[in-house]
Amino acid sequence: MSLSVKASALRFLKIRPRSIAELREKLKLKNFSREEIEVTLNGLIASGLLDDRAFTKSWINYRLARPFGFRRIILELKAKGIDPNIIDAAIVEKKGGYSPELVAQDLANRRWQRFPALDPLKKKKRVMDFLLRRGFEIDLVMKVVKKL
């Protein structure tokens, strides 16, 4: 394992946790050889410093605390190169104690209060767009907006 490849990989991981695919791409951009990159990644995986399952759980917790909907979180994880089976397992595990309806309702109520002088139809449109951008399902968004 080349010291400079490992040092670069550790610097990237020091900034924030990354998926295996993300780190592979970052190291490719540094013009390291494919063999050096794979040896380094395998070493980091073996030492436990690089783990897609742990990264996925951490990312889901971080994004739910913001809060975002599962649809957006899934898209972000796929863009980071996480295996869909790992994503599905982590999402199923997390859905147990999480109520997207309550979270969306709370976000909608807070967003609604931000536009006191606006026409109610425009307010509903803005709240709806906001919730959709956050990754909540359309049927849930429609249900929440109707309650406003």
N, C-alpha and C. Protein backbone atom coordinates (compact mmCIF):
# COMPACT_ATOMS: atom_id res chain seq x y z
N MET A 1 0.86 -1.18 0.00
CA MET A 1 0.00 0.00 0.00
C MET A 1 0.90 1.23 0.00
N SER A 2 0.72 2.06 -0.99
CA SER A 2 1.51 3.27 -1.12
C SER A 2 1.15 4.25 -0.01
N LEU A 3 2.19 4.83 0.59
CA LEU A 3 1.97 5.76 1.70
C LEU A 3 1.18 6.99 1.27
N SER A 4 1.48 7.51 0.09
CA SER A 4 0.78 8.72 -0.35
C SER A 4 -0.69 8.45 -0.64
N VAL A 5 -1.01 7.27 -1.15
CA VAL A 5 -2.41 6.93 -1.41
C VAL A 5 -3.15 6.79 -0.08
N LYS A 6 -2.52 6.08 0.84
CA LYS A 6 -3.15 5.90 2.15
C LYS A 6 -3.31 7.24 2.86
N ALA A 7 -2.30 8.08 2.78
CA ALA A 7 -2.37 9.40 3.43
C ALA A 7 -3.50 10.23 2.83
N SER A 8 -3.62 10.20 1.51
CA SER A 8 -4.71 10.94 0.86
C SER A 8 -6.07 10.39 1.28
N ALA A 9 -6.19 9.07 1.31
CA ALA A 9 -7.45 8.44 1.71
C ALA A 9 -7.82 8.83 3.14
N LEU A 10 -6.85 8.78 4.02
CA LEU A 10 -7.12 9.14 5.42
C LEU A 10 -7.48 10.61 5.57
N ARG A 11 -6.87 11.47 4.77
CA ARG A 11 -7.25 12.89 4.80
C ARG A 11 -8.71 13.08 4.37
N PHE A 12 -9.11 12.35 3.32
CA PHE A 12 -10.51 12.45 2.87
C PHE A 12 -11.45 11.94 3.95
N LEU A 13 -11.07 10.86 4.62
CA LEU A 13 -11.92 10.31 5.68
C LEU A 13 -11.93 11.19 6.92
N LYS A 14 -10.87 11.95 7.12
CA LYS A 14 -10.81 12.85 8.26
C LYS A 14 -11.81 13.99 8.10
N ILE A 15 -12.02 14.42 6.87
CA ILE A 15 -12.96 15.51 6.60
C ILE A 15 -14.38 15.09 6.96
N ARG A 16 -14.78 13.90 6.45
CA ARG A 16 -16.09 13.33 6.77
C ARG A 16 -16.10 11.88 6.35
N PRO A 17 -16.98 11.08 6.94
CA PRO A 17 -17.08 9.68 6.50
C PRO A 17 -17.47 9.63 5.02
N ARG A 18 -17.00 8.62 4.33
CA ARG A 18 -17.29 8.46 2.91
C ARG A 18 -17.59 7.01 2.59
N SER A 19 -18.31 6.83 1.50
CA SER A 19 -18.56 5.48 1.01
C SER A 19 -17.32 5.00 0.27
N ILE A 20 -17.28 3.71 0.02
CA ILE A 20 -16.15 3.13 -0.72
C ILE A 20 -16.07 3.74 -2.11
N ALA A 21 -17.21 3.84 -2.78
CA ALA A 21 -17.23 4.40 -4.15
C ALA A 21 -16.79 5.86 -4.17
N GLU A 22 -17.23 6.63 -3.18
CA GLU A 22 -16.82 8.04 -3.09
C GLU A 22 -15.31 8.17 -2.94
N LEU A 23 -14.76 7.38 -2.03
CA LEU A 23 -13.33 7.45 -1.78
C LEU A 23 -12.55 6.99 -3.01
N ARG A 24 -13.04 5.96 -3.68
CA ARG A 24 -12.40 5.48 -4.91
C ARG A 24 -12.33 6.61 -5.94
N GLU A 25 -13.44 7.34 -6.11
CA GLU A 25 -13.48 8.44 -7.08
C GLU A 25 -12.54 9.57 -6.68
N LYS A 26 -12.50 9.90 -5.40
CA LYS A 26 -11.61 10.96 -4.92
C LYS A 26 -10.15 10.61 -5.20
N LEU A 27 -9.81 9.35 -4.96
CA LEU A 27 -8.43 8.92 -5.19
C LEU A 27 -8.10 8.85 -6.68
N LYS A 28 -9.08 8.50 -7.51
CA LYS A 28 -8.86 8.51 -8.96
C LYS A 28 -8.56 9.92 -9.44
N LEU A 29 -9.25 10.90 -8.88
CA LEU A 29 -9.01 12.29 -9.26
C LEU A 29 -7.61 12.76 -8.88
N LYS A 30 -7.00 12.08 -7.93
CA LYS A 30 -5.63 12.41 -7.52
C LYS A 30 -4.61 11.71 -8.41
N ASN A 31 -5.10 10.98 -9.42
CA ASN A 31 -4.26 10.29 -10.40
C ASN A 31 -3.41 9.16 -9.82
N PHE A 32 -3.93 8.46 -8.82
CA PHE A 32 -3.26 7.27 -8.33
C PHE A 32 -3.65 6.11 -9.24
N SER A 33 -2.81 5.09 -9.29
CA SER A 33 -3.11 3.95 -10.15
C SER A 33 -4.24 3.12 -9.55
N ARG A 34 -4.92 2.41 -10.41
CA ARG A 34 -6.07 1.58 -10.00
C ARG A 34 -5.63 0.55 -8.95
N GLU A 35 -4.46 -0.06 -9.17
CA GLU A 35 -3.97 -1.08 -8.24
C GLU A 35 -3.70 -0.49 -6.85
N GLU A 36 -3.05 0.69 -6.81
CA GLU A 36 -2.77 1.35 -5.54
C GLU A 36 -4.06 1.68 -4.80
N ILE A 37 -5.03 2.17 -5.55
CA ILE A 37 -6.31 2.55 -4.96
C ILE A 37 -6.99 1.33 -4.36
N GLU A 38 -7.06 0.24 -5.11
CA GLU A 38 -7.75 -0.97 -4.63
C GLU A 38 -7.05 -1.58 -3.42
N VAL A 39 -5.74 -1.60 -3.44
CA VAL A 39 -4.99 -2.13 -2.29
C VAL A 39 -5.26 -1.27 -1.06
N THR A 40 -5.25 0.03 -1.23
CA THR A 40 -5.51 0.96 -0.12
C THR A 40 -6.94 0.79 0.40
N LEU A 41 -7.91 0.72 -0.50
CA LEU A 41 -9.31 0.55 -0.08
C LEU A 41 -9.50 -0.76 0.66
N ASN A 42 -8.91 -1.83 0.15
CA ASN A 42 -9.03 -3.13 0.82
C ASN A 42 -8.41 -3.09 2.21
N GLY A 43 -7.29 -2.40 2.34
CA GLY A 43 -6.67 -2.25 3.65
C GLY A 43 -7.54 -1.46 4.62
N LEU A 44 -8.16 -0.39 4.14
CA LEU A 44 -9.04 0.42 4.98
C LEU A 44 -10.31 -0.35 5.37
N ILE A 45 -10.82 -1.15 4.43
CA ILE A 45 -12.00 -1.98 4.73
C ILE A 45 -11.64 -3.02 5.79
N ALA A 46 -10.49 -3.67 5.62
CA ALA A 46 -10.05 -4.70 6.57
C ALA A 46 -9.83 -4.12 7.97
N SER A 47 -9.34 -2.89 8.03
CA SER A 47 -9.09 -2.26 9.34
C SER A 47 -10.35 -1.65 9.95
N GLY A 48 -11.44 -1.63 9.19
CA GLY A 48 -12.70 -1.10 9.72
C GLY A 48 -12.87 0.39 9.56
N LEU A 49 -11.94 1.05 8.90
CA LEU A 49 -12.04 2.49 8.70
C LEU A 49 -12.98 2.86 7.56
N LEU A 50 -13.30 1.89 6.73
CA LEU A 50 -14.17 2.12 5.58
C LEU A 50 -15.22 1.03 5.56
N ASP A 51 -16.49 1.42 5.76
CA ASP A 51 -17.57 0.45 5.87
C ASP A 51 -18.85 1.08 5.32
N ASP A 52 -19.35 0.56 4.21
CA ASP A 52 -20.55 1.13 3.60
C ASP A 52 -21.79 0.99 4.48
N ARG A 53 -21.89 -0.10 5.23
CA ARG A 53 -23.06 -0.28 6.12
C ARG A 53 -23.07 0.77 7.22
N ALA A 54 -21.94 0.98 7.85
CA ALA A 54 -21.85 2.00 8.91
C ALA A 54 -22.06 3.40 8.33
N PHE A 55 -21.48 3.64 7.15
CA PHE A 55 -21.66 4.93 6.50
C PHE A 55 -23.13 5.19 6.21
N THR A 56 -23.83 4.17 5.70
CA THR A 56 -25.24 4.31 5.36
C THR A 56 -26.08 4.64 6.59
N LYS A 57 -25.86 3.92 7.67
CA LYS A 57 -26.60 4.18 8.91
C LYS A 57 -26.33 5.59 9.43
N SER A 58 -25.07 5.98 9.37
CA SER A 58 -24.69 7.31 9.82
C SER A 58 -25.34 8.40 8.96
N TRP A 59 -25.33 8.20 7.64
CA TRP A 59 -25.91 9.17 6.72
C TRP A 59 -27.42 9.30 6.95
N ILE A 60 -28.09 8.19 7.14
CA ILE A 60 -29.54 8.21 7.38
C ILE A 60 -29.84 8.97 8.67
N ASN A 61 -29.11 8.68 9.74
CA ASN A 61 -29.33 9.38 11.00
C ASN A 61 -29.10 10.88 10.85
N TYR A 62 -28.04 11.24 10.16
CA TYR A 62 -27.72 12.65 9.94
C TYR A 62 -28.83 13.35 9.16
N ARG A 63 -29.29 12.74 8.09
CA ARG A 63 -30.30 13.37 7.24
C ARG A 63 -31.68 13.39 7.91
N LEU A 64 -32.02 12.39 8.69
CA LEU A 64 -33.30 12.41 9.40
C LEU A 64 -33.31 13.48 10.48
N ALA A 65 -32.17 13.80 11.02
CA ALA A 65 -32.09 14.86 12.04
C ALA A 65 -32.27 16.23 11.44
N ARG A 66 -32.11 16.39 10.14
CA ARG A 66 -32.16 17.70 9.47
C ARG A 66 -33.57 18.26 9.33
N PRO A 67 -34.64 17.74 9.07
CA PRO A 67 -35.06 16.41 8.65
C PRO A 67 -35.35 16.35 7.15
N PHE A 68 -35.08 15.20 6.59
CA PHE A 68 -35.35 14.91 5.18
C PHE A 68 -36.21 13.66 5.09
N GLY A 69 -36.86 13.49 3.96
CA GLY A 69 -37.66 12.30 3.72
C GLY A 69 -36.80 11.16 3.20
N PHE A 70 -37.32 9.96 3.32
CA PHE A 70 -36.58 8.78 2.89
C PHE A 70 -36.29 8.77 1.39
N ARG A 71 -37.19 9.32 0.61
CA ARG A 71 -36.98 9.32 -0.84
C ARG A 71 -35.69 10.06 -1.20
N ARG A 72 -35.48 11.22 -0.60
CA ARG A 72 -34.27 11.99 -0.89
C ARG A 72 -33.03 11.30 -0.33
N ILE A 73 -33.14 10.73 0.85
CA ILE A 73 -32.01 10.05 1.46
C ILE A 73 -31.56 8.87 0.58
N ILE A 74 -32.52 8.13 0.07
CA ILE A 74 -32.20 6.99 -0.80
C ILE A 74 -31.49 7.46 -2.06
N LEU A 75 -31.97 8.54 -2.66
CA LEU A 75 -31.32 9.08 -3.86
C LEU A 75 -29.89 9.53 -3.56
N GLU A 76 -29.69 10.17 -2.43
CA GLU A 76 -28.35 10.62 -2.06
C GLU A 76 -27.40 9.43 -1.87
N LEU A 77 -27.89 8.39 -1.20
CA LEU A 77 -27.04 7.22 -0.97
C LEU A 77 -26.71 6.50 -2.27
N LYS A 78 -27.67 6.43 -3.18
CA LYS A 78 -27.39 5.81 -4.48
C LYS A 78 -26.35 6.62 -5.23
N ALA A 79 -26.42 7.94 -5.14
CA ALA A 79 -25.44 8.80 -5.80
C ALA A 79 -24.05 8.63 -5.19
N LYS A 80 -23.99 8.20 -3.95
CA LYS A 80 -22.71 7.98 -3.29
C LYS A 80 -22.18 6.57 -3.53
N GLY A 81 -22.89 5.80 -4.36
CA GLY A 81 -22.41 4.48 -4.75
C GLY A 81 -22.69 3.37 -3.77
N ILE A 82 -23.66 3.55 -2.90
CA ILE A 82 -24.00 2.50 -1.93
C ILE A 82 -24.87 1.45 -2.62
N ASP A 83 -24.62 0.19 -2.31
CA ASP A 83 -25.38 -0.93 -2.84
C ASP A 83 -26.85 -0.80 -2.42
N PRO A 84 -27.79 -0.95 -3.35
CA PRO A 84 -29.22 -0.83 -3.00
C PRO A 84 -29.68 -1.79 -1.89
N ASN A 85 -29.07 -2.96 -1.78
CA ASN A 85 -29.43 -3.90 -0.70
C ASN A 85 -29.06 -3.34 0.66
N ILE A 86 -27.92 -2.67 0.74
CA ILE A 86 -27.49 -2.05 2.00
C ILE A 86 -28.44 -0.90 2.35
N ILE A 87 -28.81 -0.12 1.35
CA ILE A 87 -29.73 1.00 1.56
C ILE A 87 -31.07 0.49 2.07
N ASP A 88 -31.62 -0.52 1.39
CA ASP A 88 -32.93 -1.06 1.77
C ASP A 88 -32.92 -1.58 3.21
N ALA A 89 -31.88 -2.32 3.57
CA ALA A 89 -31.80 -2.87 4.92
C ALA A 89 -31.73 -1.76 5.96
N ALA A 90 -30.95 -0.73 5.71
CA ALA A 90 -30.81 0.37 6.66
C ALA A 90 -32.10 1.18 6.77
N ILE A 91 -32.78 1.38 5.65
CA ILE A 91 -34.04 2.14 5.66
C ILE A 91 -35.11 1.37 6.44
N VAL A 92 -35.23 0.08 6.19
CA VAL A 92 -36.22 -0.74 6.89
C VAL A 92 -35.96 -0.69 8.39
N GLU A 93 -34.69 -0.78 8.76
CA GLU A 93 -34.32 -0.73 10.18
C GLU A 93 -34.70 0.61 10.81
N LYS A 94 -34.53 1.69 10.06
CA LYS A 94 -34.76 3.04 10.60
C LYS A 94 -36.23 3.43 10.61
N LYS A 95 -37.02 2.87 9.70
CA LYS A 95 -38.43 3.26 9.60
C LYS A 95 -39.23 2.89 10.84
N GLY A 96 -38.77 1.94 11.61
CA GLY A 96 -39.50 1.48 12.78
C GLY A 96 -39.88 2.58 13.76
N GLY A 97 -38.95 3.41 14.14
CA GLY A 97 -39.22 4.43 15.14
C GLY A 97 -39.36 5.83 14.58
N TYR A 98 -39.69 5.95 13.32
CA TYR A 98 -39.73 7.26 12.67
C TYR A 98 -41.09 7.46 12.00
N SER A 99 -41.71 8.59 12.25
CA SER A 99 -42.99 8.90 11.64
C SER A 99 -42.84 10.05 10.65
N PRO A 100 -42.76 9.74 9.35
CA PRO A 100 -42.60 10.81 8.37
C PRO A 100 -43.78 11.79 8.39
N GLU A 101 -44.96 11.30 8.73
CA GLU A 101 -46.13 12.18 8.75
C GLU A 101 -46.00 13.26 9.83
N LEU A 102 -45.57 12.88 11.01
CA LEU A 102 -45.40 13.86 12.09
C LEU A 102 -44.30 14.87 11.76
N VAL A 103 -43.22 14.37 11.19
CA VAL A 103 -42.10 15.25 10.83
C VAL A 103 -42.53 16.22 9.73
N ALA A 104 -43.22 15.70 8.72
CA ALA A 104 -43.67 16.55 7.62
C ALA A 104 -44.68 17.58 8.12
N GLN A 105 -45.57 17.18 9.01
CA GLN A 105 -46.57 18.10 9.56
C GLN A 105 -45.89 19.23 10.34
N ASP A 106 -44.90 18.87 11.14
CA ASP A 106 -44.17 19.88 11.91
C ASP A 106 -43.44 20.85 10.97
N LEU A 107 -42.75 20.31 9.96
CA LEU A 107 -42.07 21.17 8.98
C LEU A 107 -43.05 22.07 8.25
N ALA A 108 -44.19 21.51 7.86
CA ALA A 108 -45.20 22.29 7.14
C ALA A 108 -45.72 23.43 8.00
N ASN A 109 -46.00 23.14 9.26
CA ASN A 109 -46.50 24.18 10.16
C ASN A 109 -45.48 25.30 10.35
N ARG A 110 -44.22 24.93 10.51
CA ARG A 110 -43.18 25.95 10.67
C ARG A 110 -43.01 26.77 9.39
N ARG A 111 -43.05 26.09 8.24
CA ARG A 111 -42.91 26.79 6.97
C ARG A 111 -44.10 27.72 6.73
N TRP A 112 -45.28 27.28 7.10
CA TRP A 112 -46.51 28.05 6.94
C TRP A 112 -46.41 29.38 7.69
N GLN A 113 -45.82 29.35 8.87
CA GLN A 113 -45.69 30.55 9.71
C GLN A 113 -44.72 31.58 9.12
N ARG A 114 -43.86 31.15 8.22
CA ARG A 114 -42.86 32.06 7.65
C ARG A 114 -43.45 33.06 6.65
N PHE A 115 -44.66 32.79 6.18
CA PHE A 115 -45.28 33.65 5.16
C PHE A 115 -46.63 34.18 5.63
N PRO A 116 -46.66 35.02 6.66
CA PRO A 116 -47.95 35.46 7.21
C PRO A 116 -48.78 36.32 6.25
N ALA A 117 -48.16 37.11 5.41
CA ALA A 117 -48.90 38.04 4.56
C ALA A 117 -49.22 37.45 3.19
N LEU A 118 -48.82 36.25 2.92
CA LEU A 118 -48.98 35.66 1.60
C LEU A 118 -50.36 35.03 1.43
N ASP A 119 -50.85 35.02 0.21
CA ASP A 119 -52.11 34.38 -0.14
C ASP A 119 -52.06 32.90 0.27
N PRO A 120 -53.13 32.36 0.87
CA PRO A 120 -53.12 30.96 1.33
C PRO A 120 -52.78 29.94 0.24
N LEU A 121 -53.22 30.17 -0.99
CA LEU A 121 -52.88 29.22 -2.06
C LEU A 121 -51.38 29.23 -2.36
N LYS A 122 -50.79 30.41 -2.36
CA LYS A 122 -49.35 30.52 -2.59
C LYS A 122 -48.58 29.90 -1.43
N LYS A 123 -49.08 30.10 -0.22
CA LYS A 123 -48.44 29.51 0.95
C LYS A 123 -48.45 27.99 0.85
N LYS A 124 -49.60 27.44 0.46
CA LYS A 124 -49.70 25.98 0.33
C LYS A 124 -48.73 25.46 -0.74
N LYS A 125 -48.63 26.19 -1.85
CA LYS A 125 -47.73 25.79 -2.92
C LYS A 125 -46.28 25.80 -2.43
N ARG A 126 -45.92 26.84 -1.70
CA ARG A 126 -44.54 26.93 -1.20
C ARG A 126 -44.24 25.82 -0.19
N VAL A 127 -45.18 25.56 0.68
CA VAL A 127 -45.00 24.49 1.67
C VAL A 127 -44.89 23.14 0.95
N MET A 128 -45.75 22.92 -0.02
CA MET A 128 -45.74 21.68 -0.77
C MET A 128 -44.40 21.49 -1.50
N ASP A 129 -43.94 22.52 -2.18
CA ASP A 129 -42.67 22.45 -2.88
C ASP A 129 -41.51 22.18 -1.92
N PHE A 130 -41.55 22.82 -0.78
CA PHE A 130 -40.52 22.63 0.24
C PHE A 130 -40.47 21.18 0.69
N LEU A 131 -41.61 20.62 1.02
CA LEU A 131 -41.66 19.23 1.49
C LEU A 131 -41.23 18.25 0.40
N LEU A 132 -41.59 18.52 -0.83
CA LEU A 132 -41.18 17.65 -1.93
C LEU A 132 -39.66 17.71 -2.13
N ARG A 133 -39.08 18.91 -2.03
CA ARG A 133 -37.63 19.03 -2.14
C ARG A 133 -36.91 18.30 -1.01
N ARG A 134 -37.55 18.25 0.13
CA ARG A 134 -36.99 17.55 1.29
C ARG A 134 -37.07 16.03 1.15
N GLY A 135 -37.81 15.55 0.15
CA GLY A 135 -37.84 14.12 -0.11
C GLY A 135 -39.01 13.36 0.49
N PHE A 136 -40.07 14.07 0.85
CA PHE A 136 -41.25 13.38 1.36
C PHE A 136 -42.12 12.92 0.18
N GLU A 137 -42.81 11.82 0.38
CA GLU A 137 -43.65 11.25 -0.68
C GLU A 137 -44.80 12.20 -1.01
N ILE A 138 -45.21 12.21 -2.28
CA ILE A 138 -46.23 13.15 -2.77
C ILE A 138 -47.57 12.96 -2.05
N ASP A 139 -47.97 11.71 -1.83
CA ASP A 139 -49.26 11.49 -1.17
C ASP A 139 -49.24 11.99 0.27
N LEU A 140 -48.11 11.83 0.95
CA LEU A 140 -47.97 12.35 2.31
C LEU A 140 -47.99 13.88 2.30
N VAL A 141 -47.31 14.48 1.34
CA VAL A 141 -47.26 15.95 1.23
C VAL A 141 -48.66 16.49 0.99
N MET A 142 -49.40 15.87 0.09
CA MET A 142 -50.78 16.33 -0.20
C MET A 142 -51.65 16.24 1.07
N LYS A 143 -51.51 15.17 1.79
CA LYS A 143 -52.29 14.96 3.02
C LYS A 143 -51.95 16.04 4.06
N VAL A 144 -50.67 16.34 4.21
CA VAL A 144 -50.22 17.32 5.20
C VAL A 144 -50.67 18.72 4.78
N VAL A 145 -50.54 19.06 3.52
CA VAL A 145 -50.91 20.39 3.05
C VAL A 145 -52.41 20.62 3.17
N LYS A 146 -53.21 19.59 2.99
CA LYS A 146 -54.66 19.72 3.15
C LYS A 146 -55.03 20.12 4.57
N LYS A 147 -54.24 19.67 5.54
CA LYS A 147 -54.52 19.98 6.94
C LYS A 147 -54.20 21.42 7.32
N LEU A 148 -53.45 22.12 6.47
CA LEU A 148 -53.05 23.49 6.82
C LEU A 148 -54.22 24.45 6.69
